[in-house]
Amino acid sequence: MKLVRPIPLPSVANAAKRDMRAQSKELQRQLAKELRLQPGNTQPQLIGACDVGYQDGGYGDRAFAVVVVVDRDNNVLEQVTWVGKPPMPYMPGLFAWREAGCLIPALEKLTIRPDVLLCDAQGTAHPRGFGLACHIGLAFDLPTIGVAKNWLFGDFAPPGPEPGVATPLTHAGNVIGHAFRSAKGAPVFVSPGHHYDCESALDTVRDLRGPTRVLPAIRVADLLTGVLSRPKSSAIFERGEGDVLASGVRWTKAMRASSSSGERSERTDVAGECIAKAAAGKSA
């Protein structure tokens, strides 16, 4: 995909963390004014999802960015990846900058433009109204929605226990998103990124939900980054990036074969099988 609106990263060289934080926050406040928060397509046919994994959690200097595009039956149509050092250091409260710097080069490889991109992160439900889904949406002029597993900002009443129920997420009397019970268990937090408003973002996520708490498309990207972030996985990934997702089980067998100890990794097996199931639209 073509980068439409390059977003300059805060200056890193010779910058004190305090100055970088202030610069980052002010840039987000200004960029939030450019968002188009309007009714979006609530029945997309091409669904994108993205995630970033790290070898050492969010603090690591080696990142794996994954973007997948699936159809309505959760068949994977395309997958792209980026591996490298995040362009921004880890700073609490400014994770969107770090993840956007990893995802943008991956998204530039994408040949299929999705109708919507789901981000495992915040959209407007953010202290400055500009989470990762907003960064990506504005950069590519792409409809995006944030579907975060964890609460970050705003007030809400817990939604009822039945899947499909939602309650408004508010700040200063304004609705900035929704707490949505996508399945049994804790809610996810849905907010628009770009070319959506709160209601159409919620309707879209409700339409795309599956049997598990995490939406199927996001689950594919999330599971793949989880596998890739392991040291043995990354070495094999770099030798044969192209068909990792479509052959998740076969790929994990290759990882086991490359182990010098020859020990069986049950966790790796499960992760590979989950990827294959998620890609086939099954619950893991």
Protein backbone atom coordinates (compact mmCIF):
# COMPACT_ATOMS: atom_id res chain seq x y z
CA MET A 1 0.00 0.00 0.00
CA LYS A 2 1.09 3.52 -0.63
CA LEU A 3 1.97 5.73 2.30
CA VAL A 4 -0.32 8.75 1.88
CA ARG A 5 0.44 10.88 4.92
CA PRO A 6 4.00 10.40 6.20
CA ILE A 7 4.00 11.03 9.94
CA PRO A 8 7.39 12.26 11.16
CA LEU A 9 8.69 10.43 14.19
CA PRO A 10 9.74 12.60 17.12
CA SER A 11 13.42 13.43 16.95
CA VAL A 12 15.37 10.69 18.72
CA ALA A 13 18.97 11.76 18.25
CA ASN A 14 20.41 13.68 21.19
CA ALA A 15 16.97 14.12 22.74
CA ALA A 16 16.33 13.72 26.41
CA LYS A 17 13.46 11.35 27.14
CA ARG A 18 11.52 14.15 28.80
CA ASP A 19 11.78 16.32 25.68
CA MET A 20 10.92 13.40 23.43
CA ARG A 21 7.82 12.60 25.48
CA ALA A 22 6.61 16.20 25.30
CA GLN A 23 7.24 16.35 21.55
CA SER A 24 5.46 13.03 20.97
CA LYS A 25 2.39 14.05 22.93
CA GLU A 26 2.06 17.38 21.19
CA LEU A 27 2.38 15.72 17.76
CA GLN A 28 -0.43 13.34 18.66
CA ARG A 29 -2.70 16.20 19.74
CA GLN A 30 -2.11 17.97 16.44
CA LEU A 31 -2.51 14.84 14.30
CA ALA A 32 -5.79 13.97 16.02
CA LYS A 33 -7.30 17.05 14.38
CA GLU A 34 -6.77 15.46 10.94
CA LEU A 35 -8.80 12.30 11.66
CA ARG A 36 -12.04 11.70 9.77
CA LEU A 37 -14.41 10.26 12.35
CA GLN A 38 -17.45 9.44 10.24
CA PRO A 39 -19.75 6.44 9.63
CA GLY A 40 -17.77 3.61 8.04
CA ASN A 41 -18.38 0.36 6.21
CA THR A 42 -19.98 -1.99 8.75
CA GLN A 43 -19.84 -5.08 6.52
CA PRO A 44 -16.32 -5.14 5.08
CA GLN A 45 -15.37 -7.99 2.77
CA LEU A 46 -11.59 -7.69 3.04
CA ILE A 47 -10.48 -7.54 6.66
CA GLY A 48 -6.96 -6.62 7.66
CA ALA A 49 -5.36 -7.11 11.06
CA CYS A 50 -1.98 -6.19 12.45
CA ASP A 51 0.17 -6.90 15.46
CA VAL A 52 3.74 -6.38 16.66
CA GLY A 53 5.71 -8.86 18.76
CA TYR A 54 9.07 -8.54 20.50
CA GLN A 55 11.66 -11.06 21.56
CA ASP A 56 11.84 -9.48 25.03
CA GLY A 57 8.29 -8.23 25.42
CA GLY A 58 7.62 -4.57 24.63
CA TYR A 59 11.09 -3.60 25.87
CA GLY A 60 13.08 -5.55 23.27
CA ASP A 61 15.15 -4.10 20.44
CA ARG A 62 13.99 -6.71 17.91
CA ALA A 63 10.45 -6.43 16.62
CA PHE A 64 8.26 -8.57 14.37
CA ALA A 65 5.43 -6.71 12.64
CA VAL A 66 2.71 -8.80 10.99
CA VAL A 67 -0.20 -7.74 8.78
CA VAL A 68 -2.73 -10.22 7.42
CA VAL A 69 -5.73 -9.80 5.13
CA VAL A 70 -8.58 -12.32 5.37
CA ASP A 71 -11.96 -12.69 3.71
CA ARG A 72 -15.34 -13.10 5.41
CA ASP A 73 -14.63 -16.80 5.95
CA ASN A 74 -11.26 -15.97 7.53
CA ASN A 75 -9.28 -17.40 4.63
CA VAL A 76 -5.90 -15.71 4.61
CA LEU A 77 -5.47 -13.82 1.34
CA GLU A 78 -2.17 -12.11 2.08
CA GLN A 79 0.40 -11.81 4.84
CA VAL A 80 3.32 -9.41 5.10
CA THR A 81 5.98 -8.96 7.74
CA TRP A 82 8.75 -6.66 8.87
CA VAL A 83 11.64 -7.54 11.16
CA GLY A 84 14.01 -5.02 12.67
CA LYS A 85 14.86 -2.61 15.45
CA PRO A 86 11.97 -0.33 16.47
CA PRO A 87 12.69 3.25 15.44
CA MET A 88 11.52 4.56 18.82
CA PRO A 89 12.70 3.52 22.28
CA TYR A 90 10.20 2.14 24.76
CA MET A 91 8.46 4.94 26.66
CA PRO A 92 5.41 4.26 28.85
CA GLY A 93 2.29 5.93 27.47
CA LEU A 94 3.78 6.38 23.99
CA PHE A 95 3.73 2.80 22.73
CA ALA A 96 1.78 3.79 19.60
CA TRP A 97 4.81 5.61 18.19
CA ARG A 98 7.00 2.55 18.66
CA GLU A 99 4.50 0.15 17.07
CA ALA A 100 3.60 2.46 14.18
CA GLY A 101 7.26 2.70 13.23
CA CYS A 102 7.32 -1.11 12.89
CA LEU A 103 3.97 -1.56 11.16
CA ILE A 104 4.27 1.14 8.50
CA PRO A 105 7.09 -0.62 6.55
CA ALA A 106 5.14 -3.88 6.75
CA LEU A 107 1.97 -2.24 5.45
CA GLU A 108 3.88 -0.72 2.55
CA LYS A 109 4.49 -4.29 1.33
CA LEU A 110 0.78 -5.09 1.26
CA THR A 111 -0.70 -5.53 -2.23
CA ILE A 112 -4.33 -6.07 -1.15
CA ARG A 113 -5.93 -2.96 0.32
CA PRO A 114 -8.36 -4.09 3.04
CA ASP A 115 -11.76 -2.50 3.56
CA VAL A 116 -10.84 -2.12 7.21
CA LEU A 117 -7.72 -2.71 9.27
CA LEU A 118 -8.24 -3.97 12.82
CA CYS A 119 -5.51 -3.00 15.25
CA ASP A 120 -4.81 -4.83 18.48
CA ALA A 121 -4.52 -1.41 20.12
CA GLN A 122 -6.40 1.80 20.85
CA GLY A 123 -7.96 4.26 18.43
CA THR A 124 -9.56 7.41 19.83
CA ALA A 125 -9.91 5.82 23.30
CA HIS A 126 -6.57 7.39 24.13
CA PRO A 127 -5.44 10.27 26.37
CA ARG A 128 -4.74 12.44 23.33
CA GLY A 129 -7.32 10.85 21.04
CA PHE A 130 -4.66 9.35 18.80
CA GLY A 131 -3.79 5.71 19.44
CA LEU A 132 -2.09 3.27 17.09
CA ALA A 133 -5.21 2.71 14.94
CA CYS A 134 -5.29 6.46 14.31
CA HIS A 135 -1.58 6.58 13.40
CA ILE A 136 -1.98 3.81 10.83
CA GLY A 137 -5.30 5.04 9.45
CA LEU A 138 -4.03 8.56 8.88
CA ALA A 139 -0.70 7.42 7.41
CA PHE A 140 -2.41 5.29 4.73
CA ASP A 141 -5.78 7.10 4.58
CA LEU A 142 -7.21 3.70 5.50
CA PRO A 143 -10.35 2.83 7.50
CA THR A 144 -9.07 1.53 10.83
CA ILE A 145 -10.54 0.40 14.15
CA GLY A 146 -8.80 -0.14 17.46
CA VAL A 147 -9.81 -3.36 19.22
CA ALA A 148 -7.73 -3.40 22.38
CA LYS A 149 -7.62 -6.24 24.88
CA ASN A 150 -6.81 -3.86 27.73
CA TRP A 151 -8.41 -0.65 28.97
CA LEU A 152 -6.31 2.50 28.64
CA PHE A 153 -8.49 5.58 28.96
CA GLY A 154 -12.06 6.69 29.62
CA ASP A 155 -14.92 5.75 31.92
CA PHE A 156 -17.31 2.86 31.37
CA ALA A 157 -19.78 0.59 33.10
CA PRO A 158 -19.04 -3.11 32.63
CA PRO A 159 -21.17 -4.56 29.81
CA GLY A 160 -23.58 -7.38 30.61
CA PRO A 161 -22.33 -10.98 30.61
CA GLU A 162 -23.85 -12.00 27.26
CA PRO A 163 -21.62 -11.84 24.15
CA GLY A 164 -22.49 -8.94 21.84
CA VAL A 165 -23.32 -6.44 24.61
CA ALA A 166 -21.52 -3.08 24.77
CA THR A 167 -21.42 0.01 26.97
CA PRO A 168 -20.09 3.47 26.06
CA LEU A 169 -16.55 4.47 26.91
CA THR A 170 -16.62 8.18 27.73
CA HIS A 171 -14.38 11.11 28.59
CA ALA A 172 -15.56 14.57 29.59
CA GLY A 173 -19.11 13.65 28.57
CA ASN A 174 -18.11 12.49 25.07
CA VAL A 175 -18.27 8.91 23.76
CA ILE A 176 -14.78 7.88 22.63
CA GLY A 177 -15.42 4.16 22.14
CA HIS A 178 -17.13 1.14 23.67
CA ALA A 179 -16.41 -1.69 26.07
CA PHE A 180 -17.61 -4.69 24.10
CA ARG A 181 -18.25 -8.23 25.33
CA SER A 182 -17.08 -10.08 22.23
CA ALA A 183 -17.29 -13.46 23.97
CA LYS A 184 -17.54 -14.79 27.48
CA GLY A 185 -14.85 -13.24 29.66
CA ALA A 186 -13.41 -9.75 29.85
CA PRO A 187 -14.55 -7.13 27.31
CA VAL A 188 -12.43 -5.65 24.54
CA PHE A 189 -12.23 -1.91 23.97
CA VAL A 190 -13.39 -0.71 20.56
CA SER A 191 -12.72 2.77 19.22
CA PRO A 192 -12.45 4.32 15.76
CA GLY A 193 -9.10 4.98 14.21
CA HIS A 194 -9.86 6.72 10.89
CA HIS A 195 -12.88 6.79 8.52
CA TYR A 196 -15.12 5.36 11.28
CA ASP A 197 -17.12 6.80 14.13
CA CYS A 198 -17.80 5.08 17.44
CA GLU A 199 -21.11 3.49 16.43
CA SER A 200 -20.02 2.16 13.05
CA ALA A 201 -16.77 0.87 14.56
CA LEU A 202 -18.77 -1.06 17.16
CA ASP A 203 -21.20 -2.41 14.54
CA THR A 204 -18.28 -3.61 12.41
CA VAL A 205 -16.55 -5.38 15.28
CA ARG A 206 -19.83 -6.95 16.35
CA ASP A 207 -20.31 -8.24 12.80
CA LEU A 208 -16.78 -9.68 12.65
CA ARG A 209 -16.59 -11.30 16.07
CA GLY A 210 -15.95 -15.03 16.35
CA PRO A 211 -16.12 -17.68 19.06
CA THR A 212 -13.24 -16.24 21.10
CA ARG A 213 -12.67 -12.91 22.82
CA VAL A 214 -10.08 -11.80 20.25
CA LEU A 215 -11.52 -11.27 16.76
CA PRO A 216 -10.46 -14.01 14.27
CA ALA A 217 -8.36 -11.76 12.03
CA ILE A 218 -6.50 -10.24 14.98
CA ARG A 219 -6.04 -13.71 16.44
CA VAL A 220 -4.18 -14.85 13.33
CA ALA A 221 -1.78 -11.87 13.48
CA ASP A 222 -1.38 -12.16 17.25
CA LEU A 223 -0.59 -15.87 17.20
CA LEU A 224 1.93 -15.46 14.42
CA THR A 225 3.83 -12.66 16.16
CA GLY A 226 3.82 -14.75 19.32
CA VAL A 227 5.58 -17.59 17.50
CA LEU A 228 7.96 -15.35 15.57
CA SER A 229 9.14 -13.54 18.69
CA ARG A 230 10.91 -16.68 19.94
CA PRO A 231 14.62 -16.77 19.07
CA LYS A 232 14.57 -20.13 17.20
CA SER A 233 11.48 -19.08 15.31
CA SER A 234 12.99 -15.82 14.11
CA ALA A 235 16.00 -17.56 12.56
CA ILE A 236 13.80 -19.89 10.53
CA PHE A 237 11.43 -17.05 9.68
CA GLU A 238 14.23 -14.98 8.16
CA ARG A 239 15.31 -17.93 5.99
CA GLY A 240 11.81 -18.54 4.61
CA GLU A 241 9.37 -15.75 5.34
CA GLY A 242 6.93 -16.27 2.48
CA ASP A 243 4.58 -19.06 3.46
CA VAL A 244 4.81 -19.17 7.24
CA LEU A 245 1.17 -18.50 8.02
CA ALA A 246 -0.38 -20.79 5.42
CA SER A 247 1.71 -23.71 6.67
CA GLY A 248 1.75 -23.06 10.39
CA VAL A 249 1.92 -26.68 11.49
CA ARG A 250 4.56 -27.65 8.92
CA TRP A 251 6.60 -24.61 9.91
CA THR A 252 6.61 -25.50 13.61
CA LYS A 253 7.82 -29.01 12.72
CA ALA A 254 10.74 -27.37 10.96
CA MET A 255 11.47 -25.38 14.10
CA ARG A 256 11.53 -28.55 16.17
CA ALA A 257 13.85 -30.24 13.68
CA SER A 258 16.30 -27.32 13.90
CA SER A 259 16.59 -27.64 17.67
CA SER A 260 20.01 -29.01 18.62
CA SER A 261 18.57 -30.67 21.70
CA GLY A 262 15.80 -32.40 19.75
CA GLU A 263 13.40 -31.81 22.63
CA ARG A 264 9.74 -31.52 21.78
CA SER A 265 8.22 -28.08 22.35
CA GLU A 266 4.56 -28.55 23.20
CA ARG A 267 4.00 -24.81 23.38
CA THR A 268 5.34 -24.32 19.85
CA ASP A 269 3.18 -27.15 18.53
CA VAL A 270 0.08 -25.60 20.06
CA ALA A 271 0.91 -22.16 18.69
CA GLY A 272 1.38 -23.52 15.17
CA GLU A 273 -1.86 -25.46 15.32
CA CYS A 274 -3.69 -22.39 16.61
CA ILE A 275 -2.40 -20.38 13.66
CA ALA A 276 -3.61 -22.99 11.21
CA LYS A 277 -7.01 -23.20 12.92
CA ALA A 278 -7.41 -19.43 13.11
CA ALA A 279 -6.55 -19.12 9.42
CA ALA A 280 -9.22 -21.71 8.69
CA GLY A 281 -11.79 -19.83 10.78
CA LYS A 282 -11.93 -22.40 13.57
CA SER A 283 -11.73 -21.77 17.28
CA ALA A 284 -8.50 -22.81 18.92
